[in-house]
Each structure stands twice: as C-alpha cells, then as structure tokens.
C-alpha cells in the first residue's frame, strides 16, 4: 500500500482544482480524508490574526473567501469527487483532534492502515492545538 499523504487544503475550496486533480490523478485511485468545518469559521480563521489575514489576502481575491461562496465551492467539489468514485471519508474539524481513539478507528476501518499506531504519542507530537484558530 502506498502511504504517501498530500495535504491540500484548497482542493475542496475550488471545484476547478478538484477537476484538475481528478483529471491528472484519478487513475492513481487516491483516497481522500476531507476535513469539514463551518464556512463561517473558515473565513473567521483566515482573518483571525494580522499575519493570517496577510497570508490569505491573495486567496481571498482568488477564491472569494466569503462563507456563501465557500459552501457552494465545497458542494461543487464534493459532487465532482463523489462522481469520480474515489474513496473518501469526512471528519469534522476540529472535533476529531480531541478523540484519537475515534480517529484511529476510522482510519483503520476505512483504509486498512495497519501502520496507524494505536498509541497516540505520535499524533500528539505533531498536533499543535495552538495553531487551531477560531
């Protein structure tokens, strides 16, 4: 099993990106872990500090980061993914960060990922809850 992971937060924010991904990667049979969060919270998070607002200013122009547009973009991207037949799961963000046993169970049952450690120490070493805003 190929266990490489690509974190691509904008994939669900723009259906054009999803279409490109599917056209170029569809034959790879990628699996998707989709984190969902209320669109209003996404927008609030991207503007939560002056630094984040500066970093995401370009994205806001390109992706029109208002909550209504994000919801529509997510839905359109999800419909593309659903119609592709590629495997995916959806996890509620940030809720899943507090329950490693549930996350471990979901990942193991969903993907047969025998390399996901039962012990949460690795997870806790890479999870920085201070970076979860709003």
Foldseek 3Di string as FASTA:
>chain_A
DDDDDDDDPCLLLALVNLVVCCVVCVVVLDEEEAEDDQLQLVLCLCVVDPVSVVVCVVVCVVSVSDRVSSVVSNVSSVVSVVVSVRHYDYDYPPVCLVPVQVVVVCCCVRPVPPVPDPDCPVVVVPDDVVSDDD
